[in-house]
Amino acid sequence: MEYVSVKEKAEEWKVSERQVQYYCRQLQIDGVVKQSGVWLVPKNAQKPYDKKLKELRILSLFSGCGGMDLGFEGHFDIFKQQYNPRINNDWNVEEVNDKFIRLPKTRFTTVFANDIVPATQIAWSEFFADKKPVYCLDSIVDLVKLHQKNQIKVFPDNIDVVTGGFPCQDFSIAGKRLGFNSESSHNGGKLDVDDPTEESRGQLYMWMREVISITQPKVFVAENVKGLTNLGDIKQIIESDFSSISEGGYYVFPTRVLLAADYGVSQSRERVIFIGVRKKDLKPGILEKLENIHDYPELDPYPLKTHNNSGEAGLLPYVTVKEILSDLDEPEESSDIDQQRYSKAKFMGKHCQGQVEVDLSGIAPTIRSEHHGNIEFRRLSKENGGMHFDELSKGKKQRRLTIRECARIQSFPDNYQFIRPGRGGVSATSAYKMIGNAVPPLMAFHIAKRLEDLWPIYFG
């Protein structure tokens, strides 16, 4: 069979090269092949009819303010330098202005979200205001029990993906599986080996596992802190527990630690990602390839890096803090309430947590969920070791990062308003916490786009 390039077919069909690449990824062209990362199209291939693909329904757990949800749905603004057209040249990005581009909408849509923190529900629901009220403010433990007792219909039907960043507090004691040695189940009966227990209420990933078992999605994506990999055999235990859902019904890929900065996020945040696929939904022959994924890198669900400071060909340099914060007004000059507010916690000395100044020329440290206002400093005075002399010389004062600055470092768009004034709203303290707990939307978008591209290959 004779093949031609994507460029040649684009000229023949009078469409963009991105459109032809999209047809290739969705396997809408008969006989298309990929060699050394390059699509080749049969010379006699006919232009496929454009068709609207089915939405993929997401059930989101431990949703917080929706970093993972926003990333999976897409259609939000990022800085131009956060996008690498050399790696992701098939993304149909939209230019907003000279600084920002808008990422495309994906096929994913969130139909159920869940958390136990009222402030996160308020922030999430305000941002995703076009959605029906899908945010459930209840413990995942209680929701699973309600489902098991058939008291109410808890979870939606036809779920394609379950996502969740289960709390890292689950594993604060290295090597100990609290709750796994219980002899009684959550309903008082004899413990089945696969049942979550009352004592494992802290082991929230087991309750996420239970939701996966109930809803039977084609894919699940779970996220946790990198430190989990240092807790003895905990990572392997979690992989095994996820694999055993529905009597071994899921294939769990080897876990990967992703660095947010590698995907255009100006932050050194590292996260462990677990991805599993339902075996019975896979196309014939795919499972065998996934089980030997090193021989089939084109089927790897983890996204390619787009940024690095290694000088590696095709990669852009890390996006610096200065690049994403330099256009913001000082708090007293800004009309953005999230830029006006910042922690007033005083400098406590370099030995305390959060008492450092962000390096504008590099990437930021991990934005954490703080309980005492110890957010890193935007700038410190000279007496306290401040290095931003040009700013200090202009009379700009010592202060910590604002809500908006933290949000930008996490890659949230500026149209996400966190603080909601008034009783029953969202305070600055709550905003800092939810931002610090969130998955960077841009990193989540990379995961989502990779899964979207592989969906027709995995499942048809």
Protein backbone atom coordinates (compact mmCIF):
# COMPACT_ATOMS: atom_id res chain seq x y z
CA MET A 1 0.00 0.00 0.00
CA GLU A 2 1.29 3.45 -0.91
CA TYR A 3 1.27 6.11 1.83
CA VAL A 4 1.45 9.90 1.87
CA SER A 5 2.08 12.43 4.62
CA VAL A 6 -0.51 14.23 6.70
CA LYS A 7 0.48 17.46 4.96
CA GLU A 8 -0.24 16.03 1.51
CA LYS A 9 -3.66 14.75 2.58
CA ALA A 10 -4.49 18.06 4.24
CA GLU A 11 -3.80 19.85 0.94
CA GLU A 12 -5.86 17.30 -1.01
CA TRP A 13 -8.85 17.50 1.36
CA LYS A 14 -8.51 21.26 1.89
CA VAL A 15 -8.40 20.98 5.67
CA SER A 16 -5.72 21.76 8.26
CA GLU A 17 -2.98 19.30 9.13
CA ARG A 18 -4.38 19.26 12.67
CA GLN A 19 -7.72 18.06 11.30
CA VAL A 20 -6.06 15.18 9.44
CA GLN A 21 -4.09 14.27 12.57
CA TYR A 22 -7.36 14.28 14.50
CA TYR A 23 -8.88 11.88 11.94
CA CYS A 24 -5.81 9.66 12.38
CA ARG A 25 -5.98 9.64 16.18
CA GLN A 26 -9.67 8.80 16.12
CA LEU A 27 -8.97 6.01 13.58
CA GLN A 28 -11.46 7.54 11.17
CA ILE A 29 -9.18 6.79 8.21
CA ASP A 30 -8.95 3.16 7.08
CA GLY A 31 -5.41 1.83 6.91
CA VAL A 32 -3.71 4.74 8.67
CA VAL A 33 -0.45 3.82 10.44
CA LYS A 34 1.97 5.55 12.78
CA GLN A 35 5.69 5.06 12.29
CA SER A 36 8.30 6.67 14.54
CA GLY A 37 5.65 9.01 15.88
CA VAL A 38 4.54 10.17 12.40
CA TRP A 39 1.14 9.44 10.89
CA LEU A 40 1.09 7.97 7.37
CA VAL A 41 -2.14 7.98 5.38
CA PRO A 42 -3.00 5.59 2.51
CA LYS A 43 -2.71 7.52 -0.75
CA ASN A 44 -6.19 6.45 -1.86
CA ALA A 45 -7.85 7.20 1.53
CA GLN A 46 -11.14 9.06 1.36
CA LYS A 47 -11.92 12.02 3.59
CA PRO A 48 -14.04 10.82 6.54
CA TYR A 49 -17.30 12.49 7.39
CA ASP A 50 -17.08 14.68 10.46
CA LYS A 51 -19.21 13.28 13.24
CA LYS A 52 -19.89 14.38 16.78
CA LEU A 53 -18.34 11.88 19.14
CA LYS A 54 -20.16 10.75 22.25
CA GLU A 55 -19.43 12.62 25.46
CA LEU A 56 -17.46 10.67 28.04
CA ARG A 57 -19.05 10.89 31.48
CA ILE A 58 -16.84 11.52 34.53
CA LEU A 59 -17.62 10.70 38.15
CA SER A 60 -15.28 12.84 40.23
CA LEU A 61 -14.38 11.94 43.83
CA PHE A 62 -12.50 14.09 46.37
CA SER A 63 -13.23 16.83 43.85
CA GLY A 64 -12.19 19.84 45.93
CA CYS A 65 -12.45 23.01 43.86
CA GLY A 66 -12.23 21.01 40.64
CA GLY A 67 -8.63 21.12 39.41
CA MET A 68 -8.90 17.61 37.99
CA ASP A 69 -12.41 18.25 36.64
CA LEU A 70 -11.41 21.48 34.88
CA GLY A 71 -8.36 19.78 33.41
CA PHE A 72 -10.37 16.85 32.07
CA GLU A 73 -13.00 19.08 30.48
CA GLY A 74 -10.56 21.64 29.05
CA HIS A 75 -11.56 24.91 27.40
CA PHE A 76 -9.66 27.21 29.77
CA ASP A 77 -6.93 29.78 29.25
CA ILE A 78 -3.21 29.26 29.77
CA PHE A 79 -0.13 31.34 28.97
CA LYS A 80 1.24 30.80 25.47
CA GLN A 81 4.57 29.56 26.78
CA GLN A 82 2.74 26.82 28.71
CA TYR A 83 1.78 25.20 25.38
CA ASN A 84 4.32 23.32 23.27
CA PRO A 85 3.17 23.15 19.63
CA ARG A 86 6.10 20.89 18.75
CA ILE A 87 4.72 18.14 20.99
CA ASN A 88 0.99 18.90 20.89
CA ASN A 89 0.60 20.37 17.41
CA ASP A 90 -2.73 18.58 16.96
CA TRP A 91 -4.42 20.53 19.77
CA ASN A 92 -6.90 23.00 18.32
CA VAL A 93 -5.91 25.87 20.59
CA GLU A 94 -7.52 29.28 20.22
CA GLU A 95 -5.56 32.53 20.52
CA VAL A 96 -7.12 34.81 23.14
CA ASN A 97 -4.64 37.71 23.06
CA ASP A 98 -0.89 38.27 22.96
CA LYS A 99 -0.42 36.42 26.28
CA PHE A 100 -3.05 33.70 26.47
CA ILE A 101 -4.40 30.82 24.43
CA ARG A 102 -7.51 28.77 25.13
CA LEU A 103 -7.25 25.00 25.31
CA PRO A 104 -9.83 22.98 23.36
CA LYS A 105 -12.88 21.36 24.88
CA THR A 106 -12.44 17.63 25.37
CA ARG A 107 -15.03 14.87 25.11
CA PHE A 108 -15.11 14.57 28.90
CA THR A 109 -17.90 16.05 31.01
CA THR A 110 -18.34 15.84 34.79
CA VAL A 111 -21.72 14.41 35.78
CA PHE A 112 -21.02 13.83 39.49
CA ALA A 113 -18.61 15.55 41.89
CA ASN A 114 -18.08 14.95 45.58
CA ASP A 115 -16.30 16.33 48.63
CA ILE A 116 -17.05 17.02 52.29
CA VAL A 117 -15.85 20.64 52.46
CA PRO A 118 -18.67 23.21 51.98
CA ALA A 119 -16.32 25.92 50.69
CA THR A 120 -15.13 23.71 47.83
CA GLN A 121 -18.70 22.99 46.80
CA ILE A 122 -19.42 26.73 46.65
CA ALA A 123 -16.32 27.50 44.56
CA TRP A 124 -16.83 24.50 42.25
CA SER A 125 -20.53 25.18 41.71
CA GLU A 126 -19.96 28.87 40.96
CA PHE A 127 -17.28 28.12 38.38
CA PHE A 128 -19.19 25.25 36.75
CA ALA A 129 -22.44 27.22 36.96
CA ASP A 130 -23.65 25.96 33.58
CA LYS A 131 -23.91 22.42 34.95
CA LYS A 132 -26.85 20.93 36.76
CA PRO A 133 -26.26 20.67 40.53
CA VAL A 134 -24.03 17.60 40.45
CA TYR A 135 -21.78 18.36 43.46
CA CYS A 136 -22.65 16.05 46.36
CA LEU A 137 -21.52 17.29 49.78
CA ASP A 138 -21.28 13.98 51.61
CA SER A 139 -18.66 11.52 52.81
CA ILE A 140 -17.78 8.92 50.21
CA VAL A 141 -18.13 6.34 53.00
CA ASP A 142 -21.73 7.34 53.63
CA LEU A 143 -22.54 7.46 49.92
CA VAL A 144 -21.27 3.92 49.38
CA LYS A 145 -23.28 2.68 52.36
CA LEU A 146 -26.45 4.36 51.07
CA HIS A 147 -25.95 2.66 47.73
CA GLN A 148 -25.34 -0.73 49.30
CA LYS A 149 -28.48 -0.45 51.42
CA ASN A 150 -30.51 0.58 48.36
CA GLN A 151 -31.83 3.60 50.24
CA ILE A 152 -31.38 6.03 47.35
CA LYS A 153 -29.84 6.07 43.88
CA VAL A 154 -26.48 7.65 44.60
CA PHE A 155 -24.31 7.38 41.51
CA PRO A 156 -25.28 8.17 37.89
CA ASP A 157 -25.47 5.46 35.25
CA ASN A 158 -23.14 4.99 32.27
CA ILE A 159 -19.97 6.33 33.88
CA ASP A 160 -16.95 6.23 31.57
CA VAL A 161 -14.25 7.54 33.92
CA VAL A 162 -13.84 7.76 37.70
CA THR A 163 -11.25 10.29 38.89
CA GLY A 164 -10.06 11.13 42.38
CA GLY A 165 -7.14 12.47 44.35
CA PHE A 166 -7.62 10.51 47.55
CA PRO A 167 -6.28 12.33 50.64
CA CYS A 168 -2.61 11.79 51.41
CA GLN A 169 -3.33 11.64 55.16
CA ASP A 170 -4.35 8.04 54.51
CA PHE A 171 -0.69 7.05 54.48
CA SER A 172 0.83 9.17 57.22
CA ILE A 173 2.10 6.03 58.97
CA ALA A 174 4.59 4.35 56.70
CA GLY A 175 4.16 0.66 56.05
CA LYS A 176 1.00 0.25 58.16
CA ARG A 177 -2.29 -0.73 56.58
CA LEU A 178 -4.69 0.50 59.24
CA GLY A 179 -8.04 -1.11 58.74
CA PHE A 180 -6.82 -3.92 56.51
CA ASN A 181 -6.50 -6.32 59.45
CA SER A 182 -10.04 -5.76 60.69
CA GLU A 183 -12.18 -8.86 61.22
CA SER A 184 -15.56 -7.14 60.85
CA SER A 185 -16.94 -5.34 57.82
CA HIS A 186 -18.57 -1.93 57.71
CA ASN A 187 -22.03 -3.53 57.98
CA GLY A 188 -21.14 -5.67 61.00
CA GLY A 189 -20.75 -8.96 59.17
CA LYS A 190 -17.68 -11.10 58.65
CA LEU A 191 -15.11 -9.21 56.65
CA ASP A 192 -14.75 -10.14 53.00
CA VAL A 193 -11.18 -9.60 51.82
CA ASP A 194 -12.35 -6.98 49.31
CA ASP A 195 -14.61 -5.00 51.67
CA PRO A 196 -13.67 -1.58 53.04
CA THR A 197 -14.10 -1.42 56.80
CA GLU A 198 -15.06 1.08 59.48
CA GLU A 199 -11.45 1.10 60.62
CA SER A 200 -10.33 1.81 57.05
CA ARG A 201 -12.41 4.98 56.94
CA GLY A 202 -9.05 6.76 56.74
CA GLN A 203 -8.06 4.50 53.83
CA LEU A 204 -10.24 6.50 51.48
CA TYR A 205 -8.76 5.00 48.34
CA MET A 206 -10.50 1.75 49.37
CA TRP A 207 -13.82 3.59 49.27
CA MET A 208 -12.87 5.03 45.89
CA ARG A 209 -12.18 1.46 44.88
CA GLU A 210 -15.69 0.57 46.04
CA VAL A 211 -17.20 3.30 43.85
CA ILE A 212 -15.25 1.97 40.87
CA SER A 213 -16.63 -1.49 41.61
CA ILE A 214 -20.19 -0.09 41.72
CA THR A 215 -20.04 2.12 38.62
CA GLN A 216 -17.74 -0.05 36.45
CA PRO A 217 -16.09 2.75 34.43
CA LYS A 218 -13.91 1.95 31.45
CA VAL A 219 -11.08 3.99 33.01
CA PHE A 220 -10.13 5.29 36.43
CA VAL A 221 -7.47 7.86 37.29
CA ALA A 222 -6.29 8.22 40.90
CA GLU A 223 -3.77 10.72 42.20
CA ASN A 224 -1.66 11.13 45.33
CA VAL A 225 1.51 12.76 46.62
CA LYS A 226 4.92 11.55 45.51
CA GLY A 227 5.80 10.74 49.12
CA LEU A 228 3.53 7.72 48.90
CA THR A 229 6.27 5.98 46.90
CA ASN A 230 8.55 6.20 49.96
CA LEU A 231 6.13 4.42 52.32
CA GLY A 232 7.38 0.88 52.05
CA ASP A 233 5.13 -1.28 49.89
CA ILE A 234 2.10 1.03 50.04
CA LYS A 235 2.22 1.83 46.31
CA GLN A 236 2.28 -1.85 45.38
CA ILE A 237 -0.57 -2.55 47.81
CA ILE A 238 -2.72 0.13 46.19
CA GLU A 239 -1.94 -1.16 42.70
CA SER A 240 -2.92 -4.66 43.82
CA ASP A 241 -6.12 -3.43 45.48
CA PHE A 242 -7.18 -1.54 42.37
CA SER A 243 -6.31 -4.52 40.15
CA SER A 244 -8.52 -6.81 42.22
CA ILE A 245 -11.71 -4.78 41.61
CA SER A 246 -14.45 -7.04 40.23
CA GLU A 247 -12.28 -10.14 40.70
CA GLY A 248 -9.35 -8.85 38.71
CA GLY A 249 -11.46 -6.97 36.19
CA TYR A 250 -9.08 -4.02 35.79
CA TYR A 251 -5.62 -3.74 34.33
CA VAL A 252 -3.61 -1.17 36.30
CA PHE A 253 -0.69 0.41 34.49
CA PRO A 254 2.62 0.73 36.33
CA THR A 255 2.29 3.93 38.34
CA ARG A 256 4.16 7.01 37.27
CA VAL A 257 5.34 10.10 39.15
CA LEU A 258 4.53 13.19 37.09
CA LEU A 259 6.22 16.54 37.68
CA ALA A 260 3.82 19.41 36.98
CA ALA A 261 6.62 21.59 35.60
CA ASP A 262 7.16 19.04 32.82
CA TYR A 263 3.71 19.98 31.50
CA GLY A 264 4.00 23.76 31.56
CA VAL A 265 2.94 24.35 35.18
CA SER A 266 5.34 26.73 36.93
CA GLN A 267 5.67 24.54 40.00
CA SER A 268 7.79 21.67 41.32
CA ARG A 269 4.68 19.69 42.32
CA GLU A 270 5.09 15.92 41.91
CA ARG A 271 2.18 13.50 41.97
CA VAL A 272 1.79 9.73 41.73
CA ILE A 273 -0.78 8.78 39.10
CA PHE A 274 -2.64 5.46 39.00
CA ILE A 275 -4.48 4.60 35.77
CA GLY A 276 -6.61 1.50 35.29
CA VAL A 277 -8.74 0.19 32.41
CA ARG A 278 -11.62 -2.28 32.49
CA LYS A 279 -10.44 -5.42 30.73
CA LYS A 280 -13.77 -6.53 29.29
CA ASP A 281 -14.25 -3.19 27.50
CA LEU A 282 -10.92 -3.33 25.65
CA LYS A 283 -10.80 -4.21 21.97
CA PRO A 284 -9.50 -7.71 21.14
CA GLY A 285 -5.73 -7.92 21.40
CA ILE A 286 -5.27 -4.62 23.26
CA LEU A 287 -4.90 -6.10 26.75
CA GLU A 288 -1.94 -8.23 25.69
CA LYS A 289 -0.23 -5.13 24.33
CA LEU A 290 -0.96 -3.10 27.46
CA GLU A 291 0.53 -5.84 29.61
CA ASN A 292 3.72 -5.40 27.56
CA ILE A 293 3.48 -1.62 27.38
CA HIS A 294 7.23 -1.13 27.01
CA ASP A 295 6.97 -2.76 23.59
CA TYR A 296 4.04 -0.53 22.62
CA PRO A 297 4.87 3.01 23.79
CA GLU A 298 2.23 4.42 21.44
CA LEU A 299 -0.38 2.88 23.80
CA ASP A 300 1.11 4.38 26.98
CA PRO A 301 -1.62 6.44 28.74
CA TYR A 302 0.83 8.79 30.45
CA PRO A 303 1.35 12.06 28.55
CA LEU A 304 4.62 13.08 26.94
CA LYS A 305 6.63 15.80 28.64
CA THR A 306 6.46 19.19 26.98
CA HIS A 307 8.86 21.25 29.11
CA ASN A 308 12.26 20.71 30.68
CA ASN A 309 15.50 22.57 31.29
CA SER A 310 17.61 19.70 29.99
CA GLY A 311 17.89 21.10 26.48
CA GLU A 312 16.25 17.97 25.09
CA ALA A 313 15.12 18.41 21.50
CA GLY A 314 11.50 19.46 21.11
CA LEU A 315 10.99 20.47 24.73
CA LEU A 316 10.43 24.04 25.85
CA PRO A 317 12.18 25.45 28.95
CA TYR A 318 10.27 25.44 32.22
CA VAL A 319 7.82 28.29 32.59
CA THR A 320 9.14 30.62 35.27
CA VAL A 321 7.20 32.26 38.08
CA LYS A 322 8.04 35.68 36.64
CA GLU A 323 6.44 34.76 33.32
CA ILE A 324 3.07 34.00 34.91
CA LEU A 325 2.98 36.67 37.64
CA SER A 326 4.65 39.74 36.11
CA ASP A 327 1.47 41.21 34.61
CA LEU A 328 -0.48 41.18 37.89
CA ASP A 329 -1.09 44.44 39.75
CA GLU A 330 -0.10 44.77 43.37
CA PRO A 331 -2.97 43.87 45.75
CA GLU A 332 -3.80 47.47 46.65
CA GLU A 333 -4.05 48.37 42.94
CA SER A 334 -6.00 45.34 41.71
CA SER A 335 -9.74 45.02 41.06
CA ASP A 336 -9.51 41.21 41.32
CA ILE A 337 -10.59 40.15 44.82
CA ASP A 338 -8.35 37.08 44.63
CA GLN A 339 -5.36 39.35 43.95
CA GLN A 340 -6.34 41.75 46.73
CA ARG A 341 -6.23 39.10 49.46
CA TYR A 342 -3.13 37.49 50.92
CA SER A 343 -2.05 35.96 54.19
CA LYS A 344 -0.83 38.47 56.76
CA ALA A 345 1.09 35.84 58.74
CA LYS A 346 4.37 37.40 59.81
CA PHE A 347 7.85 36.21 58.89
CA MET A 348 8.90 33.59 61.45
CA GLY A 349 12.45 32.86 60.36
CA LYS A 350 13.92 30.61 57.69
CA HIS A 351 13.62 27.52 59.89
CA CYS A 352 9.79 27.57 59.73
CA GLN A 353 7.60 26.24 56.95
CA GLY A 354 6.59 28.66 54.22
CA GLN A 355 9.13 31.32 55.18
CA VAL A 356 10.91 31.50 51.83
CA GLU A 357 10.69 33.86 48.90
CA VAL A 358 9.65 32.38 45.55
CA ASP A 359 12.39 32.39 42.94
CA LEU A 360 10.98 34.47 40.08
CA SER A 361 13.56 33.12 37.65
CA GLY A 362 12.65 29.49 38.34
CA ILE A 363 9.63 27.37 39.16
CA ALA A 364 7.74 27.71 42.42
CA PRO A 365 7.85 25.17 45.25
CA THR A 366 4.75 23.05 45.73
CA ILE A 367 1.76 25.20 46.68
CA ARG A 368 0.51 23.45 49.80
CA SER A 369 -2.72 23.31 51.73
CA GLU A 370 -1.78 25.42 54.74
CA HIS A 371 -3.51 25.70 58.09
CA HIS A 372 -1.62 28.61 59.60
CA GLY A 373 -1.20 31.10 56.75
CA ASN A 374 2.36 30.02 56.03
CA ILE A 375 2.12 30.56 52.28
CA GLU A 376 5.45 31.33 50.60
CA PHE A 377 6.46 34.96 50.21
CA ARG A 378 6.09 36.87 46.96
CA ARG A 379 8.91 39.00 48.27
CA LEU A 380 10.85 39.40 51.51
CA SER A 381 12.57 42.46 52.88
CA LYS A 382 16.36 42.66 52.65
CA GLU A 383 16.55 42.14 56.42
CA ASN A 384 14.75 38.82 56.01
CA GLY A 385 16.86 37.70 53.09
CA GLY A 386 14.81 39.07 50.20
CA MET A 387 16.44 38.86 46.76
CA HIS A 388 14.06 40.89 44.58
CA PHE A 389 16.06 44.09 44.99
CA ASP A 390 14.59 45.81 41.94
CA GLU A 391 11.09 45.45 43.34
CA LEU A 392 12.09 46.42 46.86
CA SER A 393 13.86 49.52 45.54
CA LYS A 394 10.54 50.63 44.00
CA GLY A 395 8.91 50.57 47.40
CA LYS A 396 7.05 47.31 46.98
CA LYS A 397 6.55 45.77 50.39
CA GLN A 398 7.23 42.40 51.91
CA ARG A 399 4.20 40.14 51.53
CA ARG A 400 3.11 36.59 50.93
CA LEU A 401 1.65 35.22 47.69
CA THR A 402 -1.92 36.29 46.98
CA ILE A 403 -4.78 33.90 46.25
CA ARG A 404 -4.54 34.73 42.53
CA GLU A 405 -0.78 34.23 42.45
CA CYS A 406 -1.14 30.79 44.03
CA ALA A 407 -3.92 29.97 41.57
CA ARG A 408 -1.77 30.97 38.60
CA ILE A 409 1.13 28.91 39.88
CA GLN A 410 -1.32 25.99 39.99
CA SER A 411 -2.46 26.87 36.40
CA PHE A 412 -6.03 27.89 37.30
CA PRO A 413 -7.42 30.48 34.85
CA ASP A 414 -8.14 34.03 35.99
CA ASN A 415 -11.90 33.61 35.49
CA TYR A 416 -11.97 31.15 38.39
CA GLN A 417 -12.97 33.28 41.38
CA PHE A 418 -12.14 31.58 44.67
CA ILE A 419 -13.07 34.10 47.35
CA ARG A 420 -16.82 34.54 47.77
CA PRO A 421 -17.47 37.31 50.33
CA GLY A 422 -20.18 37.13 52.93
CA ARG A 423 -21.56 34.63 55.37
CA GLY A 424 -21.63 31.16 53.89
CA GLY A 425 -19.11 32.18 51.23
CA VAL A 426 -15.46 31.27 50.70
CA SER A 427 -12.80 32.93 52.86
CA ALA A 428 -9.19 33.59 51.90
CA THR A 429 -8.09 30.83 54.27
CA SER A 430 -10.42 28.34 52.59
CA ALA A 431 -9.26 29.52 49.17
CA TYR A 432 -5.59 28.91 50.02
CA LYS A 433 -6.45 25.41 51.26
CA MET A 434 -8.47 24.37 48.23
CA ILE A 435 -5.88 25.70 45.80
CA GLY A 436 -3.12 23.88 47.68
CA ASN A 437 -5.09 20.63 47.62
CA ALA A 438 -5.92 20.82 43.92
CA VAL A 439 -4.51 18.92 40.98
CA PRO A 440 -3.02 21.49 38.57
CA PRO A 441 -5.64 21.74 35.80
CA LEU A 442 -3.01 21.96 33.06
CA MET A 443 -1.36 18.70 34.16
CA ALA A 444 -4.79 17.05 34.36
CA PHE A 445 -5.55 18.31 30.85
CA HIS A 446 -2.47 16.53 29.50
CA ILE A 447 -3.67 13.27 31.08
CA ALA A 448 -7.18 13.80 29.71
CA LYS A 449 -6.02 14.54 26.16
CA ARG A 450 -3.81 11.48 26.15
CA LEU A 451 -6.72 9.29 27.26
CA GLU A 452 -9.02 10.97 24.73
CA ASP A 453 -6.55 10.18 21.94
CA LEU A 454 -6.25 6.55 23.04
CA TRP A 455 -9.97 6.00 23.65
CA PRO A 456 -10.85 4.71 20.14
CA ILE A 457 -7.71 2.58 20.10
CA TYR A 458 -8.45 1.01 23.50
CA PHE A 459 -12.22 0.70 23.24
CA GLY A 460 -13.24 1.28 19.62
